[in-house]
């Protein structure tokens, strides 16, 4: 899809240089975007400043990447591209996120075909190079000890973890000498991992300390488990690795209590970030489904914002329904996400009228 440019008189070369220098100075002096402290607004402000400076997309992207190294934590490539696309819309230019994902480099070792001049989005008629997928070699089913360690770490039942493993969405392995667990699916589009000892990954290179690590080539926009949910009539969508695994546990619990009929297929699907839209390729699978979203009730509001974006996309894809489960309505316990919910439920802190799947697929 080609960029649609607004009709304005072309700026002079001297003016462009002056604005470029001012924009670069602005970026260098800006405070980093910090998660939980208005990071989304800060990043958007920085990108908008650059976009309005009449400089090339190539320069903007280089400066965005440079700025990203100072953010805490650094944003993923899909998140940065989403902000760039939104910023360009403010000046009447429309880019396709999928095209930019293919064409723009992210890491210093990435190859790029960008010319030295301005950047032109590939025409829709052209065939785009396939995205390199994460290397999943060495990752597979866990041992009984690994399942038990994860169960103790996240308070998720062994049956729930075994079901996730049997579906092929839970894997174990080693990364940088560390024992890890992660989520993936049959698409091969994503592999995101966490340490099995519950600690964070140390800072390395341009990466700061982080709870989760997406293996290079992973797409944050891909809804993990969506292909495995094709035959399900009901889908629950949640955010992040712990909630995704907890959802398997929850579905089994609700079935055993009769809240979900055994003949009613209900499948969990996870978005691994609240800051991104659902991948265009995955959206049609939601057609004809009943969907419930369990969003993170975080102080920044990012979870709710992301959930509303997903709801709109899911409804536009043709889902029969798409509603929310609001953790902030639970006053008997401090619950911010699905993992908190199950832990509180086990502690007897959840009232019977707050069943997460009650009335959804019974």
Protein backbone atom coordinates (compact mmCIF):
# COMPACT_ATOMS: atom_id res chain seq x y z
CA UNK A 1 0.00 0.00 0.00
CA UNK A 2 1.54 3.33 -1.05
CA UNK A 3 1.70 6.31 1.22
CA UNK A 4 -1.00 8.92 0.58
CA UNK A 5 0.70 12.29 1.02
CA UNK A 6 -0.99 15.53 1.92
CA UNK A 7 -0.89 18.30 -0.68
CA UNK A 8 1.48 20.94 0.59
CA UNK A 9 4.15 23.07 -1.00
CA UNK A 10 7.48 21.23 -0.85
CA UNK A 11 9.78 22.70 1.81
CA UNK A 12 13.18 24.03 0.83
CA UNK A 13 16.30 21.96 1.46
CA UNK A 14 17.61 24.46 4.04
CA UNK A 15 14.30 24.39 5.91
CA UNK A 16 14.31 20.59 5.90
CA UNK A 17 17.82 20.48 7.37
CA UNK A 18 16.92 23.02 10.05
CA UNK A 19 13.81 21.09 11.04
CA UNK A 20 15.72 17.80 10.97
CA UNK A 21 18.39 19.20 13.27
CA UNK A 22 15.77 20.62 15.63
CA UNK A 23 13.88 17.30 15.70
CA UNK A 24 17.05 15.34 16.40
CA UNK A 25 18.03 17.70 19.21
CA UNK A 26 14.51 17.37 20.64
CA UNK A 27 14.76 13.56 20.63
CA UNK A 28 18.18 13.56 22.28
CA UNK A 29 16.96 15.85 25.05
CA UNK A 30 13.66 14.02 25.65
CA UNK A 31 13.16 11.91 28.73
CA UNK A 32 12.84 8.18 27.96
CA UNK A 33 9.39 6.59 27.77
CA UNK A 34 8.91 4.57 30.97
CA UNK A 35 6.26 1.87 31.26
CA UNK A 36 3.64 2.70 33.87
CA UNK A 37 4.64 6.39 33.90
CA UNK A 38 2.86 7.69 30.82
CA UNK A 39 5.27 5.89 28.54
CA UNK A 40 2.80 5.55 25.67
CA UNK A 41 2.08 9.29 25.57
CA UNK A 42 5.77 10.16 25.86
CA UNK A 43 6.74 7.88 22.96
CA UNK A 44 3.89 9.21 20.82
CA UNK A 45 4.92 12.81 21.52
CA UNK A 46 8.49 12.09 20.42
CA UNK A 47 7.45 10.30 17.22
CA UNK A 48 4.94 13.04 16.30
CA UNK A 49 7.64 15.69 16.69
CA UNK A 50 9.85 13.85 14.21
CA UNK A 51 7.04 13.14 11.74
CA UNK A 52 6.09 16.83 11.60
CA UNK A 53 9.66 17.84 10.74
CA UNK A 54 9.48 16.98 7.01
CA UNK A 55 12.30 14.44 7.17
CA UNK A 56 12.43 11.00 5.61
CA UNK A 57 10.94 7.90 7.16
CA UNK A 58 14.39 6.32 7.10
CA UNK A 59 15.80 9.09 9.33
CA UNK A 60 12.77 9.00 11.60
CA UNK A 61 13.07 5.24 12.05
CA UNK A 62 16.79 5.49 12.85
CA UNK A 63 16.09 8.11 15.52
CA UNK A 64 13.13 6.16 16.91
CA UNK A 65 15.37 3.11 17.31
CA UNK A 66 18.06 5.23 18.95
CA UNK A 67 15.51 6.75 21.34
CA UNK A 68 14.12 3.28 22.07
CA UNK A 69 17.45 2.17 23.57
CA UNK A 70 16.84 4.64 26.41
CA UNK A 71 13.23 3.59 27.09
CA UNK A 72 12.42 1.42 30.10
CA UNK A 73 11.80 -1.21 28.97
CA UNK A 74 12.55 -0.80 25.25
CA UNK A 75 9.52 -1.12 22.98
CA UNK A 76 9.16 -4.01 20.54
CA UNK A 77 9.33 -3.45 16.80
CA UNK A 78 5.53 -3.84 16.28
CA UNK A 79 4.88 -1.35 19.10
CA UNK A 80 7.24 1.22 17.60
CA UNK A 81 5.81 0.80 14.11
CA UNK A 82 2.27 1.20 15.46
CA UNK A 83 3.29 4.54 17.02
CA UNK A 84 5.00 5.67 13.79
CA UNK A 85 1.93 4.82 11.70
CA UNK A 86 -0.37 6.68 14.13
CA UNK A 87 1.92 9.72 14.10
CA UNK A 88 1.98 9.85 10.29
CA UNK A 89 -1.81 9.87 10.22
CA UNK A 90 -1.73 13.26 11.98
CA UNK A 91 -0.12 14.78 8.88
CA UNK A 92 -2.31 12.98 6.36
CA UNK A 93 0.06 10.15 5.45
CA UNK A 94 -1.15 6.55 5.69
CA UNK A 95 1.24 3.63 5.91
CA UNK A 96 0.46 -0.08 6.20
CA UNK A 97 1.93 -1.57 9.40
CA UNK A 98 2.47 -4.96 7.75
CA UNK A 99 4.54 -3.39 4.95
CA UNK A 100 6.68 -1.46 7.41
CA UNK A 101 7.27 -4.60 9.51
CA UNK A 102 8.86 -6.18 6.43
CA UNK A 103 10.76 -3.16 5.14
CA UNK A 104 12.16 -1.47 8.25
CA UNK A 105 15.21 -2.82 10.12
CA UNK A 106 15.13 -3.18 13.88
CA UNK A 107 18.40 -4.62 15.11
CA UNK A 108 21.81 -3.50 13.94
CA UNK A 109 22.44 -6.93 12.42
CA UNK A 110 19.25 -6.86 10.36
CA UNK A 111 19.56 -6.51 6.63
CA UNK A 112 17.68 -3.69 4.96
CA UNK A 113 16.92 -2.73 1.40
CA UNK A 114 16.19 0.91 2.18
CA UNK A 115 17.74 3.41 -0.17
CA UNK A 116 19.55 6.51 1.06
CA UNK A 117 16.67 8.75 0.03
CA UNK A 118 13.04 8.79 1.07
CA UNK A 119 11.20 5.54 1.73
CA UNK A 120 8.35 4.31 -0.44
CA UNK A 121 6.05 1.59 0.85
CA UNK A 122 5.93 -1.44 -1.48
CA UNK A 123 2.88 -1.45 -3.74
CA UNK A 124 0.13 -3.86 -2.74
CA UNK A 125 0.65 -5.78 -5.97
CA UNK A 126 4.24 -6.63 -5.08
CA UNK A 127 5.10 -9.81 -3.21
CA UNK A 128 6.62 -9.05 0.19
CA UNK A 129 9.40 -11.18 1.58
CA UNK A 130 8.15 -13.61 4.26
CA UNK A 131 8.95 -12.68 7.82
CA UNK A 132 11.69 -14.76 9.44
CA UNK A 133 10.16 -16.82 12.26
CA UNK A 134 11.78 -17.45 15.65
CA UNK A 135 14.10 -20.42 15.97
CA UNK A 136 12.35 -22.97 18.21
CA UNK A 137 15.07 -25.62 18.11
CA UNK A 138 15.70 -27.10 21.56
CA UNK A 139 12.26 -26.18 22.90
CA UNK A 140 9.67 -28.85 23.63
CA UNK A 141 7.62 -30.60 26.33
CA UNK A 142 8.83 -30.27 29.89
CA UNK A 143 9.70 -32.90 32.45
CA UNK A 144 7.54 -33.60 35.48
CA UNK A 145 9.99 -31.57 37.58
CA UNK A 146 9.73 -28.58 35.20
CA UNK A 147 5.94 -28.73 35.22
CA UNK A 148 5.96 -28.91 39.02
CA UNK A 149 8.36 -25.97 39.26
CA UNK A 150 6.17 -23.85 36.98
CA UNK A 151 3.05 -24.91 38.86
CA UNK A 152 4.58 -23.76 42.15
CA UNK A 153 5.90 -20.55 40.62
CA UNK A 154 2.63 -19.36 39.06
CA UNK A 155 0.08 -21.30 41.18
CA UNK A 156 -1.30 -23.05 38.08
CA UNK A 157 -2.51 -26.64 38.35
CA UNK A 158 -0.53 -29.47 36.79
CA UNK A 159 -3.58 -30.59 34.73
CA UNK A 160 -3.88 -27.07 33.32
CA UNK A 161 -0.20 -26.97 32.38
CA UNK A 162 -0.38 -30.46 30.87
CA UNK A 163 -3.31 -29.43 28.70
CA UNK A 164 -1.36 -26.38 27.47
CA UNK A 165 1.61 -28.63 26.77
CA UNK A 166 -0.51 -31.19 24.96
CA UNK A 167 -1.91 -28.40 22.76
CA UNK A 168 1.66 -27.47 21.84
CA UNK A 169 1.46 -23.94 23.25
CA UNK A 170 3.64 -24.51 26.35
CA UNK A 171 7.29 -25.41 25.86
CA UNK A 172 10.43 -25.62 27.96
CA UNK A 173 14.07 -25.19 27.09
CA UNK A 174 17.25 -23.25 27.80
CA UNK A 175 18.22 -19.73 26.79
CA UNK A 176 21.60 -18.17 27.53
CA UNK A 177 22.23 -21.03 29.94
CA UNK A 178 18.99 -20.39 31.83
CA UNK A 179 16.10 -22.82 32.28
CA UNK A 180 13.02 -21.21 30.74
CA UNK A 181 9.41 -21.84 29.81
CA UNK A 182 7.60 -20.20 26.95
CA UNK A 183 4.55 -20.03 24.73
CA UNK A 184 4.27 -20.67 21.02
CA UNK A 185 1.79 -22.29 18.64
CA UNK A 186 1.54 -24.14 15.35
CA UNK A 187 1.93 -20.93 13.33
CA UNK A 188 5.56 -20.67 14.42
CA UNK A 189 5.09 -16.90 14.43
CA UNK A 190 6.03 -16.41 18.06
CA UNK A 191 8.15 -17.82 20.85
CA UNK A 192 8.25 -15.78 24.03
CA UNK A 193 9.95 -17.07 27.15
CA UNK A 194 10.28 -16.44 30.88
CA UNK A 195 12.77 -17.76 33.42
CA UNK A 196 11.63 -20.85 35.28
CA UNK A 197 13.15 -19.53 38.51
CA UNK A 198 10.86 -16.48 38.33
CA UNK A 199 13.71 -13.98 38.04
CA UNK A 200 14.08 -11.35 35.33
CA UNK A 201 16.43 -11.54 32.36
CA UNK A 202 19.53 -9.38 32.88
CA UNK A 203 20.27 -6.39 30.69
CA UNK A 204 22.37 -7.15 27.62
CA UNK A 205 23.31 -4.88 24.72
CA UNK A 206 20.37 -2.60 23.91
CA UNK A 207 17.97 -4.73 25.96
CA UNK A 208 17.19 -3.68 29.51
CA UNK A 209 16.14 -6.02 32.31
CA UNK A 210 12.83 -7.69 31.41
CA UNK A 211 10.40 -10.33 32.68
CA UNK A 212 9.70 -11.80 29.26
CA UNK A 213 11.97 -12.22 26.27
CA UNK A 214 10.63 -12.56 22.73
CA UNK A 215 12.93 -14.73 20.63
CA UNK A 216 14.09 -12.84 17.56
CA UNK A 217 11.50 -13.04 14.79
CA UNK A 218 8.52 -13.27 17.15
CA UNK A 219 5.47 -11.19 16.27
CA UNK A 220 3.81 -9.45 19.22
CA UNK A 221 0.71 -8.99 17.08
CA UNK A 222 0.13 -12.71 16.66
CA UNK A 223 -2.60 -14.08 18.99
CA UNK A 224 -0.97 -17.19 20.44
CA UNK A 225 -3.18 -20.25 20.15
CA UNK A 226 -5.57 -18.84 17.56
CA UNK A 227 -4.95 -21.66 15.07
CA UNK A 228 -5.57 -24.19 17.83
CA UNK A 229 -8.88 -22.42 18.55
CA UNK A 230 -10.27 -22.74 15.01
CA UNK A 231 -12.72 -25.50 15.95
CA UNK A 232 -13.83 -23.90 19.22
CA UNK A 233 -17.17 -22.12 19.41
CA UNK A 234 -16.01 -19.96 22.35
CA UNK A 235 -12.68 -18.16 22.76
CA UNK A 236 -11.31 -16.32 25.76
CA UNK A 237 -8.61 -13.73 25.08
CA UNK A 238 -6.11 -12.59 27.67
CA UNK A 239 -2.80 -10.74 27.90
CA UNK A 240 0.59 -12.25 28.64
CA UNK A 241 2.17 -15.64 29.29
CA UNK A 242 1.01 -16.30 32.90
CA UNK A 243 -2.62 -15.46 32.12
CA UNK A 244 -2.54 -17.63 28.97
CA UNK A 245 -1.40 -20.67 30.95
CA UNK A 246 -3.81 -19.86 33.79
CA UNK A 247 -6.66 -19.79 31.26
CA UNK A 248 -6.07 -23.48 30.53
CA UNK A 249 -6.35 -24.19 34.24
CA UNK A 250 -9.50 -22.06 34.55
CA UNK A 251 -11.31 -23.76 31.68
CA UNK A 252 -10.66 -27.21 33.16
CA UNK A 253 -11.88 -26.03 36.60
CA UNK A 254 -15.07 -24.51 35.19
CA UNK A 255 -15.80 -27.67 33.21
CA UNK A 256 -15.44 -29.82 36.32
CA UNK A 257 -17.90 -27.54 38.16
CA UNK A 258 -20.38 -27.66 35.32
CA UNK A 259 -20.00 -23.96 34.48
CA UNK A 260 -18.92 -25.01 31.00
CA UNK A 261 -20.61 -27.88 29.23
CA UNK A 262 -18.11 -30.56 28.21
CA UNK A 263 -19.61 -30.49 24.73
CA UNK A 264 -18.92 -26.75 24.39
CA UNK A 265 -15.38 -26.21 23.10
CA UNK A 266 -13.78 -23.23 24.82
CA UNK A 267 -10.22 -22.28 23.91
CA UNK A 268 -7.75 -19.70 25.27
CA UNK A 269 -5.89 -17.26 23.03
CA UNK A 270 -3.27 -14.75 24.21
CA UNK A 271 -1.97 -11.42 23.06
CA UNK A 272 1.52 -10.92 24.47
CA UNK A 273 1.26 -7.13 24.65
CA UNK A 274 -1.61 -4.72 25.20
CA UNK A 275 0.08 -2.17 22.96
CA UNK A 276 -0.48 -3.86 19.61
CA UNK A 277 -3.34 -4.70 17.29
CA UNK A 278 -4.31 -8.25 16.32
CA UNK A 279 -2.50 -9.55 13.25
CA UNK A 280 -4.53 -9.13 10.04
CA UNK A 281 -4.03 -12.79 9.11
CA UNK A 282 -5.46 -14.05 12.41
CA UNK A 283 -8.54 -11.86 12.63
CA UNK A 284 -10.83 -13.90 10.30
CA UNK A 285 -10.59 -16.89 12.66
CA UNK A 286 -12.73 -14.98 15.17
CA UNK A 287 -15.64 -14.98 12.73
CA UNK A 288 -18.70 -16.75 14.15
CA UNK A 289 -17.15 -17.13 17.62
CA UNK A 290 -18.31 -16.08 21.07
CA UNK A 291 -15.41 -14.15 22.64
CA UNK A 292 -14.66 -12.86 26.13
CA UNK A 293 -11.62 -10.65 26.87
CA UNK A 294 -9.80 -10.77 30.23
CA UNK A 295 -7.72 -7.59 30.21
CA UNK A 296 -5.11 -6.46 32.73
CA UNK A 297 -6.53 -4.00 35.24
CA UNK A 298 -3.28 -2.02 35.42
CA UNK A 299 -2.91 1.50 36.78
CA UNK A 300 -1.70 2.90 33.43
CA UNK A 301 -4.90 1.87 31.67
CA UNK A 302 -2.91 0.18 28.89
CA UNK A 303 -4.69 -3.13 29.41
CA UNK A 304 -8.14 -1.59 29.00
CA UNK A 305 -7.07 0.45 25.98
CA UNK A 306 -5.65 -2.64 24.29
CA UNK A 307 -8.75 -4.70 25.09
CA UNK A 308 -11.05 -2.15 23.50
CA UNK A 309 -8.91 -2.16 20.36
CA UNK A 310 -9.09 -5.96 20.22
CA UNK A 311 -12.84 -5.95 20.77
CA UNK A 312 -13.34 -3.64 17.81
CA UNK A 313 -11.20 -5.81 15.57
CA UNK A 314 -12.88 -9.03 16.71
CA UNK A 315 -16.36 -7.64 16.12
CA UNK A 316 -15.33 -6.30 12.72
CA UNK A 317 -14.04 -9.80 11.90
CA UNK A 318 -17.58 -11.16 12.36
CA UNK A 319 -17.62 -12.61 15.88
CA UNK A 320 -21.11 -13.37 17.23
CA UNK A 321 -20.25 -11.48 20.42
CA UNK A 322 -17.28 -10.05 22.28
CA UNK A 323 -17.51 -8.89 25.89
CA UNK A 324 -15.19 -8.19 28.81
CA UNK A 325 -14.56 -9.59 32.25
CA UNK A 326 -13.82 -6.66 34.58
CA UNK A 327 -11.45 -7.55 37.42
CA UNK A 328 -11.99 -4.13 38.99
CA UNK A 329 -15.52 -5.19 39.93
CA UNK A 330 -14.15 -7.82 42.31
CA UNK A 331 -14.06 -6.12 45.69
CA UNK A 332 -13.31 -9.19 47.78
CA UNK A 333 -9.66 -9.44 46.67
CA UNK A 334 -6.91 -7.45 44.96
CA UNK A 335 -7.17 -8.91 41.46
CA UNK A 336 -5.49 -7.33 38.45
CA UNK A 337 -5.35 -10.23 36.03
CA UNK A 338 -6.44 -13.80 35.41
CA UNK A 339 -3.53 -15.32 37.30
CA UNK A 340 -4.41 -13.21 40.35
CA UNK A 341 -8.03 -14.33 39.95
CA UNK A 342 -7.25 -18.05 40.16
CA UNK A 343 -4.91 -17.55 43.13
CA UNK A 344 -7.63 -15.56 44.93
CA UNK A 345 -10.20 -18.18 43.99
CA UNK A 346 -8.07 -20.91 45.57
CA UNK A 347 -7.83 -18.78 48.71
CA UNK A 348 -11.63 -18.56 48.89
CA UNK A 349 -11.62 -14.81 48.20
CA UNK A 350 -13.80 -14.84 45.08
CA UNK A 351 -17.57 -14.66 45.52
CA UNK A 352 -19.66 -17.19 43.63
CA UNK A 353 -21.29 -14.46 41.54
CA UNK A 354 -17.93 -13.51 40.06
CA UNK A 355 -17.25 -16.71 38.11
CA UNK A 356 -15.00 -15.75 35.22
CA UNK A 357 -16.76 -17.98 32.70
CA UNK A 358 -20.17 -18.17 34.32
CA UNK A 359 -22.90 -17.49 31.76
CA UNK A 360 -20.37 -17.27 28.94
CA UNK A 361 -20.33 -20.76 27.48
CA UNK A 362 -22.62 -22.79 29.72
